[in-house]
Structure formats: C-alpha cells, structure tokens
Amino acid sequence: MDEATSSVDAATERILLDVVRVAFADATVLTIAHRLETIATGDRVIVLDAGRVVEDGHPGRLARQPLSHFASMLRQSS
C-alpha cells in the first residue's frame, strides 16, 4: 500500500487498517507511509533516509530506543 490512507481522516484510516489486517492476516503487506500511525502497529518498520535504510526492526522496540530514527520521528510527529 503506497500512502493508502494519506487522504482519509483518522477514523477511516483505523477502519481501513483493520480491514487490511483481517483480510491479509496470512500475507505480507508492504505499507509506505509518512503518517506514522499507519505503520506503528506493523510487525516490522524499515526507516529510509535519502533512499538508504538507516533502521530496521519492530516499531515498539525502535520506539523505546531514544536515539533511534523511528523514536525521533515519533517525537517530532506528536
């Protein structure tokens, strides 16, 4: 999904992501998003900077690492 929720409100985004989670429970779903809420519940996050992978891991683990790129992005988005 490439920015699949970029033009919807938060309530619609939650519905869409719940539908995708159920419909594709046994599949790999690659989601590209600028809105961090869209990817925060995923199994794995890959953070890119200038087209290069700078971080890769579970979003919860990355969020708990204060110096991680992902944690910094979360702080900036709040």
PDB file of N, CA and C in Angstrom:
ATOM      1  N   MET A   1       0.850  -1.152   0.000  1.00  0.00           N
ATOM      2  CA  MET A   1       0.000   0.000   0.000  1.00  0.00           C
ATOM      3  C   MET A   1       0.907   1.230   0.000  1.00  0.00           C
ATOM      4  N   ASP A   2       0.748   2.074  -0.962  1.00  0.00           N
ATOM      5  CA  ASP A   2       1.567   3.285  -1.064  1.00  0.00           C
ATOM      6  C   ASP A   2       0.717   4.484  -0.676  1.00  0.00           C
ATOM      7  N   GLU A   3       0.932   4.984   0.538  1.00  0.00           N
ATOM      8  CA  GLU A   3       0.190   6.137   1.054  1.00  0.00           C
ATOM      9  C   GLU A   3      -1.321   5.924   0.931  1.00  0.00           C
ATOM     10  N   ALA A   4      -1.775   4.716   1.227  1.00  0.00           N
ATOM     11  CA  ALA A   4      -3.185   4.345   1.053  1.00  0.00           C
ATOM     12  C   ALA A   4      -4.133   5.137   1.938  1.00  0.00           C
ATOM     13  N   THR A   5      -3.642   5.675   3.034  1.00  0.00           N
ATOM     14  CA  THR A   5      -4.527   6.395   3.956  1.00  0.00           C
ATOM     15  C   THR A   5      -4.218   7.892   4.017  1.00  0.00           C
ATOM     16  N   SER A   6      -3.429   8.382   3.094  1.00  0.00           N
ATOM     17  CA  SER A   6      -2.973   9.774   3.181  1.00  0.00           C
ATOM     18  C   SER A   6      -4.090  10.798   3.035  1.00  0.00           C
ATOM     19  N   SER A   7      -5.181  10.444   2.382  1.00  0.00           N
ATOM     20  CA  SER A   7      -6.235  11.438   2.160  1.00  0.00           C
ATOM     21  C   SER A   7      -7.529  11.120   2.912  1.00  0.00           C
ATOM     22  N   VAL A   8      -7.422  10.313   3.967  1.00  0.00           N
ATOM     23  CA  VAL A   8      -8.618   9.985   4.752  1.00  0.00           C
ATOM     24  C   VAL A   8      -8.442  10.474   6.191  1.00  0.00           C
ATOM     25  N   ASP A   9      -9.558  10.627   6.885  1.00  0.00           N
ATOM     26  CA  ASP A   9      -9.481  11.051   8.286  1.00  0.00           C
ATOM     27  C   ASP A   9      -9.048   9.878   9.164  1.00  0.00           C
ATOM     28  N   ALA A  10      -8.761  10.178  10.429  1.00  0.00           N
ATOM     29  CA  ALA A  10      -8.219   9.167  11.344  1.00  0.00           C
ATOM     30  C   ALA A  10      -9.179   7.996  11.551  1.00  0.00           C
ATOM     31  N   ALA A  11     -10.483   8.268  11.652  1.00  0.00           N
ATOM     32  CA  ALA A  11     -11.458   7.188  11.865  1.00  0.00           C
ATOM     33  C   ALA A  11     -11.499   6.247  10.664  1.00  0.00           C
ATOM     34  N   THR A  12     -11.487   6.805   9.472  1.00  0.00           N
ATOM     35  CA  THR A  12     -11.500   5.991   8.255  1.00  0.00           C
ATOM     36  C   THR A  12     -10.200   5.210   8.128  1.00  0.00           C
ATOM     37  N   GLU A  13      -9.106   5.821   8.502  1.00  0.00           N
ATOM     38  CA  GLU A  13      -7.817   5.126   8.460  1.00  0.00           C
ATOM     39  C   GLU A  13      -7.845   3.894   9.359  1.00  0.00           C
ATOM     40  N   ARG A  14      -8.356   4.032  10.588  1.00  0.00           N
ATOM     41  CA  ARG A  14      -8.433   2.887  11.503  1.00  0.00           C
ATOM     42  C   ARG A  14      -9.276   1.763  10.912  1.00  0.00           C
ATOM     43  N   ILE A  15     -10.408   2.108  10.302  1.00  0.00           N
ATOM     44  CA  ILE A  15     -11.275   1.100   9.678  1.00  0.00           C
ATOM     45  C   ILE A  15     -10.527   0.390   8.550  1.00  0.00           C
ATOM     46  N   LEU A  16      -9.904   1.165   7.684  1.00  0.00           N
ATOM     47  CA  LEU A  16      -9.169   0.595   6.550  1.00  0.00           C
ATOM     48  C   LEU A  16      -8.051  -0.328   7.025  1.00  0.00           C
ATOM     49  N   LEU A  17      -7.292   0.108   8.019  1.00  0.00           N
ATOM     50  CA  LEU A  17      -6.182  -0.716   8.516  1.00  0.00           C
ATOM     51  C   LEU A  17      -6.683  -1.987   9.197  1.00  0.00           C
ATOM     52  N   ASP A  18      -7.824  -1.898   9.893  1.00  0.00           N
ATOM     53  CA  ASP A  18      -8.415  -3.097  10.498  1.00  0.00           C
ATOM     54  C   ASP A  18      -8.852  -4.088   9.419  1.00  0.00           C
ATOM     55  N   VAL A  19      -9.458  -3.598   8.356  1.00  0.00           N
ATOM     56  CA  VAL A  19      -9.890  -4.459   7.246  1.00  0.00           C
ATOM     57  C   VAL A  19      -8.680  -5.126   6.598  1.00  0.00           C
ATOM     58  N   VAL A  20      -7.629  -4.367   6.355  1.00  0.00           N
ATOM     59  CA  VAL A  20      -6.416  -4.919   5.746  1.00  0.00           C
ATOM     60  C   VAL A  20      -5.804  -5.979   6.656  1.00  0.00           C
ATOM     61  N   ARG A  21      -5.751  -5.702   7.967  1.00  0.00           N
ATOM     62  CA  ARG A  21      -5.175  -6.653   8.919  1.00  0.00           C
ATOM     63  C   ARG A  21      -5.919  -7.984   8.893  1.00  0.00           C
ATOM     64  N   VAL A  22      -7.246  -7.937   8.803  1.00  0.00           N
ATOM     65  CA  VAL A  22      -8.048  -9.169   8.787  1.00  0.00           C
ATOM     66  C   VAL A  22      -7.960  -9.854   7.422  1.00  0.00           C
ATOM     67  N   ALA A  23      -8.158  -9.086   6.361  1.00  0.00           N
ATOM     68  CA  ALA A  23      -8.196  -9.661   5.013  1.00  0.00           C
ATOM     69  C   ALA A  23      -6.856 -10.259   4.590  1.00  0.00           C
ATOM     70  N   PHE A  24      -5.765  -9.684   5.086  1.00  0.00           N
ATOM     71  CA  PHE A  24      -4.442 -10.145   4.678  1.00  0.00           C
ATOM     72  C   PHE A  24      -3.651 -10.716   5.856  1.00  0.00           C
ATOM     73  N   ALA A  25      -4.351 -11.339   6.788  1.00  0.00           N
ATOM     74  CA  ALA A  25      -3.721 -11.864   8.002  1.00  0.00           C
ATOM     75  C   ALA A  25      -2.610 -12.862   7.695  1.00  0.00           C
ATOM     76  N   ASP A  26      -2.733 -13.599   6.614  1.00  0.00           N
ATOM     77  CA  ASP A  26      -1.738 -14.620   6.264  1.00  0.00           C
ATOM     78  C   ASP A  26      -0.828 -14.177   5.125  1.00  0.00           C
ATOM     79  N   ALA A  27      -0.735 -12.874   4.922  1.00  0.00           N
ATOM     80  CA  ALA A  27       0.065 -12.355   3.816  1.00  0.00           C
ATOM     81  C   ALA A  27       1.018 -11.278   4.315  1.00  0.00           C
ATOM     82  N   THR A  28       2.001 -10.993   3.504  1.00  0.00           N
ATOM     83  CA  THR A  28       2.894  -9.878   3.779  1.00  0.00           C
ATOM     84  C   THR A  28       2.309  -8.644   3.118  1.00  0.00           C
ATOM     85  N   VAL A  29       2.168  -7.578   3.896  1.00  0.00           N
ATOM     86  CA  VAL A  29       1.666  -6.317   3.368  1.00  0.00           C
ATOM     87  C   VAL A  29       2.760  -5.275   3.538  1.00  0.00           C
ATOM     88  N   LEU A  30       3.192  -4.703   2.458  1.00  0.00           N
ATOM     89  CA  LEU A  30       4.191  -3.651   2.479  1.00  0.00           C
ATOM     90  C   LEU A  30       3.454  -2.320   2.434  1.00  0.00           C
ATOM     91  N   THR A  31       3.658  -1.506   3.453  1.00  0.00           N
ATOM     92  CA  THR A  31       2.960  -0.229   3.555  1.00  0.00           C
ATOM     93  C   THR A  31       3.980   0.897   3.544  1.00  0.00           C
ATOM     94  N   ILE A  32       3.796   1.819   2.630  1.00  0.00           N
ATOM     95  CA  ILE A  32       4.641   3.006   2.549  1.00  0.00           C
ATOM     96  C   ILE A  32       3.798   4.164   3.067  1.00  0.00           C
ATOM     97  N   ALA A  33       4.313   4.865   4.085  1.00  0.00           N
ATOM     98  CA  ALA A  33       3.508   5.925   4.689  1.00  0.00           C
ATOM     99  C   ALA A  33       4.383   6.987   5.328  1.00  0.00           C
ATOM    100  N   HIS A  34       3.880   8.203   5.297  1.00  0.00           N
ATOM    101  CA  HIS A  34       4.511   9.285   6.032  1.00  0.00           C
ATOM    102  C   HIS A  34       3.856   9.431   7.407  1.00  0.00           C
ATOM    103  N   ARG A  35       2.581   9.088   7.481  1.00  0.00           N
ATOM    104  CA  ARG A  35       1.841   9.170   8.744  1.00  0.00           C
ATOM    105  C   ARG A  35       2.220   7.960   9.589  1.00  0.00           C
ATOM    106  N   LEU A  36       2.923   8.187  10.686  1.00  0.00           N
ATOM    107  CA  LEU A  36       3.483   7.097  11.486  1.00  0.00           C
ATOM    108  C   LEU A  36       2.423   6.206  12.114  1.00  0.00           C
ATOM    109  N   GLU A  37       1.253   6.747  12.407  1.00  0.00           N
ATOM    110  CA  GLU A  37       0.184   5.931  12.972  1.00  0.00           C
ATOM    111  C   GLU A  37      -0.188   4.779  12.037  1.00  0.00           C
ATOM    112  N   THR A  38       0.002   4.988  10.745  1.00  0.00           N
ATOM    113  CA  THR A  38      -0.334   3.976   9.746  1.00  0.00           C
ATOM    114  C   THR A  38       0.549   2.740   9.879  1.00  0.00           C
ATOM    115  N   ILE A  39       1.771   2.911  10.310  1.00  0.00           N
ATOM    116  CA  ILE A  39       2.721   1.794  10.353  1.00  0.00           C
ATOM    117  C   ILE A  39       3.085   1.345  11.769  1.00  0.00           C
ATOM    118  N   ALA A  40       2.628   2.064  12.772  1.00  0.00           N
ATOM    119  CA  ALA A  40       3.051   1.801  14.150  1.00  0.00           C
ATOM    120  C   ALA A  40       2.637   0.427  14.664  1.00  0.00           C
ATOM    121  N   THR A  41       1.602  -0.168  14.101  1.00  0.00           N
ATOM    122  CA  THR A  41       1.152  -1.475  14.582  1.00  0.00           C
ATOM    123  C   THR A  41       1.681  -2.623  13.724  1.00  0.00           C
ATOM    124  N   GLY A  42       2.579  -2.311  12.818  1.00  0.00           N
ATOM    125  CA  GLY A  42       3.137  -3.354  11.966  1.00  0.00           C
ATOM    126  C   GLY A  42       4.109  -4.252  12.707  1.00  0.00           C
ATOM    127  N   ASP A  43       4.515  -5.315  12.053  1.00  0.00           N
ATOM    128  CA  ASP A  43       5.481  -6.254  12.624  1.00  0.00           C
ATOM    129  C   ASP A  43       6.912  -5.757  12.465  1.00  0.00           C
ATOM    130  N   ARG A  44       7.116  -4.922  11.447  1.00  0.00           N
ATOM    131  CA  ARG A  44       8.470  -4.500  11.119  1.00  0.00           C
ATOM    132  C   ARG A  44       8.407  -3.138  10.443  1.00  0.00           C
ATOM    133  N   VAL A  45       9.354  -2.278  10.795  1.00  0.00           N
ATOM    134  CA  VAL A  45       9.463  -0.956  10.186  1.00  0.00           C
ATOM    135  C   VAL A  45      10.862  -0.827   9.592  1.00  0.00           C
ATOM    136  N   ILE A  46      10.914  -0.325   8.391  1.00  0.00           N
ATOM    137  CA  ILE A  46      12.195  -0.025   7.759  1.00  0.00           C
ATOM    138  C   ILE A  46      12.203   1.479   7.526  1.00  0.00           C
ATOM    139  N   VAL A  47      13.152   2.163   8.159  1.00  0.00           N
ATOM    140  CA  VAL A  47      13.243   3.623   8.053  1.00  0.00           C
ATOM    141  C   VAL A  47      14.286   3.947   6.986  1.00  0.00           C
ATOM    142  N   LEU A  48      13.878   4.789   6.036  1.00  0.00           N
ATOM    143  CA  LEU A  48      14.779   5.220   4.971  1.00  0.00           C
ATOM    144  C   LEU A  48      15.151   6.681   5.173  1.00  0.00           C
ATOM    145  N   ASP A  49      16.366   7.024   4.817  1.00  0.00           N
ATOM    146  CA  ASP A  49      16.820   8.412   4.816  1.00  0.00           C
ATOM    147  C   ASP A  49      17.627   8.605   3.543  1.00  0.00           C
ATOM    148  N   ALA A  50      17.169   9.507   2.699  1.00  0.00           N
ATOM    149  CA  ALA A  50      17.825   9.762   1.408  1.00  0.00           C
ATOM    150  C   ALA A  50      17.965   8.474   0.597  1.00  0.00           C
ATOM    151  N   GLY A  51      16.938   7.608   0.673  1.00  0.00           N
ATOM    152  CA  GLY A  51      16.922   6.382  -0.110  1.00  0.00           C
ATOM    153  C   GLY A  51      17.728   5.239   0.465  1.00  0.00           C
ATOM    154  N   ARG A  52      18.278   5.407   1.651  1.00  0.00           N
ATOM    155  CA  ARG A  52      19.085   4.356   2.285  1.00  0.00           C
ATOM    156  C   ARG A  52      18.413   3.876   3.558  1.00  0.00           C
ATOM    157  N   VAL A  53      18.527   2.574   3.817  1.00  0.00           N
ATOM    158  CA  VAL A  53      17.979   2.003   5.044  1.00  0.00           C
ATOM    159  C   VAL A  53      18.871   2.450   6.206  1.00  0.00           C
ATOM    160  N   VAL A  54      18.247   3.128   7.173  1.00  0.00           N
ATOM    161  CA  VAL A  54      19.000   3.567   8.352  1.00  0.00           C
ATOM    162  C   VAL A  54      18.556   2.831   9.615  1.00  0.00           C
ATOM    163  N   GLU A  55      17.420   2.114   9.515  1.00  0.00           N
ATOM    164  CA  GLU A  55      16.914   1.402  10.682  1.00  0.00           C
ATOM    165  C   GLU A  55      15.921   0.341  10.227  1.00  0.00           C
ATOM    166  N   ASP A  56      15.885  -0.749  10.981  1.00  0.00           N
ATOM    167  CA  ASP A  56      15.018  -1.864  10.623  1.00  0.00           C
ATOM    168  C   ASP A  56      14.701  -2.627  11.900  1.00  0.00           C
ATOM    169  N   GLY A  57      13.409  -2.809  12.191  1.00  0.00           N
ATOM    170  CA  GLY A  57      13.052  -3.570  13.375  1.00  0.00           C
ATOM    171  C   GLY A  57      11.587  -3.427  13.739  1.00  0.00           C
ATOM    172  N   HIS A  58      11.214  -4.001  14.862  1.00  0.00           N
ATOM    173  CA  HIS A  58       9.838  -3.908  15.348  1.00  0.00           C
ATOM    174  C   HIS A  58       9.584  -2.472  15.809  1.00  0.00           C
ATOM    175  N   PRO A  59       8.456  -1.876  15.421  1.00  0.00           N
ATOM    176  CA  PRO A  59       8.208  -0.481  15.773  1.00  0.00           C
ATOM    177  C   PRO A  59       8.221  -0.216  17.279  1.00  0.00           C
ATOM    178  N   GLY A  60       7.714  -1.135  18.075  1.00  0.00           N
ATOM    179  CA  GLY A  60       7.727  -0.958  19.526  1.00  0.00           C
ATOM    180  C   GLY A  60       9.127  -0.902  20.086  1.00  0.00           C
ATOM    181  N   ARG A  61       9.982  -1.802  19.589  1.00  0.00           N
ATOM    182  CA  ARG A  61      11.376  -1.832  20.054  1.00  0.00           C
ATOM    183  C   ARG A  61      12.102  -0.562  19.631  1.00  0.00           C
ATOM    184  N   LEU A  62      11.907  -0.151  18.379  1.00  0.00           N
ATOM    185  CA  LEU A  62      12.569   1.058  17.891  1.00  0.00           C
ATOM    186  C   LEU A  62      12.072   2.295  18.636  1.00  0.00           C
ATOM    187  N   ALA A  63      10.793   2.330  18.951  1.00  0.00           N
ATOM    188  CA  ALA A  63      10.209   3.479  19.654  1.00  0.00           C
ATOM    189  C   ALA A  63      10.793   3.617  21.057  1.00  0.00           C
ATOM    190  N   ARG A  64      11.174   2.508  21.671  1.00  0.00           N
ATOM    191  CA  ARG A  64      11.730   2.538  23.035  1.00  0.00           C
ATOM    192  C   ARG A  64      13.215   2.902  23.059  1.00  0.00           C
ATOM    193  N   GLN A  65      13.838   2.974  21.902  1.00  0.00           N
ATOM    194  CA  GLN A  65      15.255   3.344  21.836  1.00  0.00           C
ATOM    195  C   GLN A  65      15.338   4.851  21.567  1.00  0.00           C
ATOM    196  N   PRO A  66      15.656   5.644  22.586  1.00  0.00           N
ATOM    197  CA  PRO A  66      15.596   7.104  22.445  1.00  0.00           C
ATOM    198  C   PRO A  66      16.427   7.673  21.299  1.00  0.00           C
ATOM    199  N   LEU A  67      17.505   7.009  20.920  1.00  0.00           N
ATOM    200  CA  LEU A  67      18.363   7.536  19.862  1.00  0.00           C
ATOM    201  C   LEU A  67      18.016   7.000  18.471  1.00  0.00           C
ATOM    202  N   SER A  68      16.976   6.183  18.383  1.00  0.00           N
ATOM    203  CA  SER A  68      16.620   5.627  17.071  1.00  0.00           C
ATOM    204  C   SER A  68      15.962   6.686  16.192  1.00  0.00           C
ATOM    205  N   HIS A  69      16.103   6.503  14.912  1.00  0.00           N
ATOM    206  CA  HIS A  69      15.462   7.403  13.943  1.00  0.00           C
ATOM    207  C   HIS A  69      13.944   7.356  14.113  1.00  0.00           C
ATOM    208  N   PHE A  70      13.412   6.152  14.308  1.00  0.00           N
ATOM    209  CA  PHE A  70      11.971   5.988  14.433  1.00  0.00           C
ATOM    210  C   PHE A  70      11.450   6.722  15.668  1.00  0.00           C
ATOM    211  N   ALA A  71      12.136   6.578  16.800  1.00  0.00           N
ATOM    212  CA  ALA A  71      11.726   7.272  18.028  1.00  0.00           C
ATOM    213  C   ALA A  71      11.771   8.783  17.816  1.00  0.00           C
ATOM    214  N   SER A  72      12.774   9.259  17.140  1.00  0.00           N
ATOM    215  CA  SER A  72      12.875  10.687  16.852  1.00  0.00           C
ATOM    216  C   SER A  72      11.725  11.155  15.976  1.00  0.00           C
ATOM    217  N   MET A  73      11.363  10.358  14.994  1.00  0.00           N
ATOM    218  CA  MET A  73      10.248  10.712  14.110  1.00  0.00           C
ATOM    219  C   MET A  73       8.939  10.741  14.908  1.00  0.00           C
ATOM    220  N   LEU A  74       8.764   9.797  15.825  1.00  0.00           N
ATOM    221  CA  LEU A  74       7.565   9.780  16.667  1.00  0.00           C
ATOM    222  C   LEU A  74       7.489  11.024  17.530  1.00  0.00           C
ATOM    223  N   ARG A  75       8.615  11.417  18.115  1.00  0.00           N
ATOM    224  CA  ARG A  75       8.628  12.627  18.948  1.00  0.00           C
ATOM    225  C   ARG A  75       8.276  13.857  18.130  1.00  0.00           C
ATOM    226  N   GLN A  76       8.794  13.937  16.923  1.00  0.00           N
ATOM    227  CA  GLN A  76       8.531  15.098  16.069  1.00  0.00           C
ATOM    228  C   GLN A  76       7.086  15.145  15.598  1.00  0.00           C
ATOM    229  N   SER A  77       6.447  13.988  15.491  1.00  0.00           N
ATOM    230  CA  SER A  77       5.067  13.952  14.981  1.00  0.00           C
ATOM    231  C   SER A  77       4.027  14.244  16.062  1.00  0.00           C
ATOM    232  N   SER A  78       4.430  14.177  17.346  1.00  0.00           N
ATOM    233  CA  SER A  78       3.442  14.405  18.404  1.00  0.00           C
ATOM    234  C   SER A  78       3.266  15.863  18.723  1.00  0.00           C
TER     235      SER A  78
END
